[in-house]
Structure formats: C-alpha cells, structure tokens
C-alpha cells in the first residue's frame, strides 16, 4: 500500500456503516491491511474502490468535504433513474 492508501484506509476505519454492508467489510479489511501488512500491494480494483469509499463517506471524514473532487468513474447509489417502462412493470 502507498502511504496515501494507508491514510485513506485509516480514515475509513472510524466511519459508521449500515449493518452487514459490503462497504463496512471492505473498509475494515483495508484498515486491517494498513495496520498489519502495509507492505502488501492493493489490486487496481481495490485501490479504485478505496478512493470511491473516501468520496462516498466524505461527510463523516472531512470537515471541508465540499472541496473533495469526485473520482473519475464514480456513480452514486441514487443516480439510477428508472425509465417509464420500468415504472410500469412495478405498478
């Protein structure tokens, strides 16, 4: 892990997550790696997801979160808009 990734993982350790969420498991695993195996390299996907988690939970981590840039490729959970056809199927 790079020093930046170690810092990000440690910041995510103090975040409050929903019970039994993937986010919680991933962030706790990253924090454990940062503490006990900092020499371990992250995969490209793990590094990207770590950046996404920092952005997703930025309001719990940073006091000036508004200045944090959105990572490329990030889509929020609420960005999905169902089409009229999807809405008709649900009703």
C-alpha atoms as a PDB file:
ATOM      1  CA  UNK A   1       0.000   0.000   0.000  1.00  0.00           C
ATOM      2  CA  UNK A   2       1.164   3.502  -0.655  1.00  0.00           C
ATOM      3  CA  UNK A   3       1.285   5.993   2.198  1.00  0.00           C
ATOM      4  CA  UNK A   4      -1.774   7.739   0.710  1.00  0.00           C
ATOM      5  CA  UNK A   5      -3.737   4.464   0.645  1.00  0.00           C
ATOM      6  CA  UNK A   6      -2.750   3.704   4.237  1.00  0.00           C
ATOM      7  CA  UNK A   7      -4.000   7.127   5.301  1.00  0.00           C
ATOM      8  CA  UNK A   8      -7.299   6.632   3.438  1.00  0.00           C
ATOM      9  CA  UNK A   9      -7.834   3.184   4.995  1.00  0.00           C
ATOM     10  CA  UNK A  10      -7.232   4.527   8.497  1.00  0.00           C
ATOM     11  CA  UNK A  11      -9.708   7.368   7.935  1.00  0.00           C
ATOM     12  CA  UNK A  12     -12.389   4.918   6.813  1.00  0.00           C
ATOM     13  CA  UNK A  13     -11.959   2.905   9.991  1.00  0.00           C
ATOM     14  CA  UNK A  14     -13.933   5.471  12.019  1.00  0.00           C
ATOM     15  CA  UNK A  15     -16.890   5.720   9.640  1.00  0.00           C
ATOM     16  CA  UNK A  16     -20.364   4.473  10.595  1.00  0.00           C
ATOM     17  CA  UNK A  17     -21.756   1.969   8.088  1.00  0.00           C
ATOM     18  CA  UNK A  18     -25.064   0.200   7.593  1.00  0.00           C
ATOM     19  CA  UNK A  19     -25.225  -3.222   9.265  1.00  0.00           C
ATOM     20  CA  UNK A  20     -23.940  -6.142   7.170  1.00  0.00           C
ATOM     21  CA  UNK A  21     -22.871  -3.917   4.286  1.00  0.00           C
ATOM     22  CA  UNK A  22     -20.162  -4.651   1.765  1.00  0.00           C
ATOM     23  CA  UNK A  23     -18.734  -1.185   2.377  1.00  0.00           C
ATOM     24  CA  UNK A  24     -18.157  -1.973   6.051  1.00  0.00           C
ATOM     25  CA  UNK A  25     -16.417  -5.266   5.347  1.00  0.00           C
ATOM     26  CA  UNK A  26     -14.209  -3.786   2.628  1.00  0.00           C
ATOM     27  CA  UNK A  27     -13.172  -0.756   4.676  1.00  0.00           C
ATOM     28  CA  UNK A  28     -12.415  -2.820   7.775  1.00  0.00           C
ATOM     29  CA  UNK A  29     -10.343  -5.230   5.691  1.00  0.00           C
ATOM     30  CA  UNK A  30      -8.404  -2.308   4.191  1.00  0.00           C
ATOM     31  CA  UNK A  31      -7.803  -0.839   7.668  1.00  0.00           C
ATOM     32  CA  UNK A  32      -6.517  -4.214   8.885  1.00  0.00           C
ATOM     33  CA  UNK A  33      -4.145  -4.466   5.929  1.00  0.00           C
ATOM     34  CA  UNK A  34      -2.952  -0.897   6.563  1.00  0.00           C
ATOM     35  CA  UNK A  35      -2.176  -1.716  10.207  1.00  0.00           C
ATOM     36  CA  UNK A  36      -0.697  -5.206   9.949  1.00  0.00           C
ATOM     37  CA  UNK A  37       0.546  -5.613   6.355  1.00  0.00           C
ATOM     38  CA  UNK A  38       1.287  -2.134   4.961  1.00  0.00           C
ATOM     39  CA  UNK A  39       3.789  -3.620   2.500  1.00  0.00           C
ATOM     40  CA  UNK A  40       1.014  -5.574   0.734  1.00  0.00           C
ATOM     41  CA  UNK A  41       0.113  -4.152  -2.667  1.00  0.00           C
ATOM     42  CA  UNK A  42      -3.529  -3.458  -3.486  1.00  0.00           C
ATOM     43  CA  UNK A  43      -5.037  -4.558  -6.759  1.00  0.00           C
ATOM     44  CA  UNK A  44      -6.147  -1.888  -9.193  1.00  0.00           C
ATOM     45  CA  UNK A  45      -9.795  -2.513  -8.294  1.00  0.00           C
ATOM     46  CA  UNK A  46      -9.125  -2.323  -4.556  1.00  0.00           C
ATOM     47  CA  UNK A  47      -7.282   0.984  -4.946  1.00  0.00           C
ATOM     48  CA  UNK A  48     -10.112   2.418  -7.057  1.00  0.00           C
ATOM     49  CA  UNK A  49     -12.773   1.240  -4.614  1.00  0.00           C
ATOM     50  CA  UNK A  50     -10.826   2.721  -1.702  1.00  0.00           C
ATOM     51  CA  UNK A  51     -10.941   6.104  -3.456  1.00  0.00           C
ATOM     52  CA  UNK A  52     -14.668   5.686  -4.101  1.00  0.00           C
ATOM     53  CA  UNK A  53     -15.288   4.891  -0.420  1.00  0.00           C
ATOM     54  CA  UNK A  54     -13.448   8.034   0.658  1.00  0.00           C
ATOM     55  CA  UNK A  55     -15.684  10.038  -1.647  1.00  0.00           C
ATOM     56  CA  UNK A  56     -18.873   8.219  -0.572  1.00  0.00           C
ATOM     57  CA  UNK A  57     -18.229   8.756   3.158  1.00  0.00           C
ATOM     58  CA  UNK A  58     -16.541  12.152   2.824  1.00  0.00           C
ATOM     59  CA  UNK A  59     -19.084  13.911   5.058  1.00  0.00           C
ATOM     60  CA  UNK A  60     -18.143  11.696   8.006  1.00  0.00           C
ATOM     61  CA  UNK A  61     -14.402  12.055   7.377  1.00  0.00           C
ATOM     62  CA  UNK A  62     -13.673  15.642   6.337  1.00  0.00           C
ATOM     63  CA  UNK A  63     -14.903  18.935   7.714  1.00  0.00           C
ATOM     64  CA  UNK A  64     -14.351  20.640   4.323  1.00  0.00           C
ATOM     65  CA  UNK A  65     -15.758  17.799   2.195  1.00  0.00           C
ATOM     66  CA  UNK A  66     -17.210  20.157  -0.418  1.00  0.00           C
ATOM     67  CA  UNK A  67     -13.726  20.683  -1.875  1.00  0.00           C
ATOM     68  CA  UNK A  68     -13.111  16.957  -2.385  1.00  0.00           C
ATOM     69  CA  UNK A  69     -13.153  16.205  -6.140  1.00  0.00           C
ATOM     70  CA  UNK A  70     -15.382  13.444  -7.475  1.00  0.00           C
ATOM     71  CA  UNK A  71     -13.257  10.481  -8.631  1.00  0.00           C
ATOM     72  CA  UNK A  72     -13.500   9.600 -12.329  1.00  0.00           C
ATOM     73  CA  UNK A  73     -15.991   6.818 -12.955  1.00  0.00           C
ATOM     74  CA  UNK A  74     -17.833   7.273  -9.644  1.00  0.00           C
ATOM     75  CA  UNK A  75     -21.607   6.863  -9.737  1.00  0.00           C
ATOM     76  CA  UNK A  76     -23.655   7.389  -6.625  1.00  0.00           C
ATOM     77  CA  UNK A  77     -26.175   4.843  -5.476  1.00  0.00           C
ATOM     78  CA  UNK A  78     -29.034   7.258  -6.074  1.00  0.00           C
ATOM     79  CA  UNK A  79     -28.051   8.111  -9.645  1.00  0.00           C
ATOM     80  CA  UNK A  80     -30.196   5.363 -11.206  1.00  0.00           C
ATOM     81  CA  UNK A  81     -33.405   6.744 -12.703  1.00  0.00           C
ATOM     82  CA  UNK A  82     -35.931   4.093 -13.769  1.00  0.00           C
ATOM     83  CA  UNK A  83     -37.463   4.532 -17.192  1.00  0.00           C
ATOM     84  CA  UNK A  84     -41.216   4.806 -17.713  1.00  0.00           C
ATOM     85  CA  UNK A  85     -41.182   1.201 -18.898  1.00  0.00           C
ATOM     86  CA  UNK A  86     -39.544   0.085 -15.627  1.00  0.00           C
ATOM     87  CA  UNK A  87     -42.099   2.045 -13.612  1.00  0.00           C
ATOM     88  CA  UNK A  88     -44.964   0.385 -15.499  1.00  0.00           C
ATOM     89  CA  UNK A  89     -43.568  -3.046 -14.636  1.00  0.00           C
ATOM     90  CA  UNK A  90     -43.512  -2.163 -10.945  1.00  0.00           C
ATOM     91  CA  UNK A  91     -47.102  -0.940 -10.794  1.00  0.00           C
END
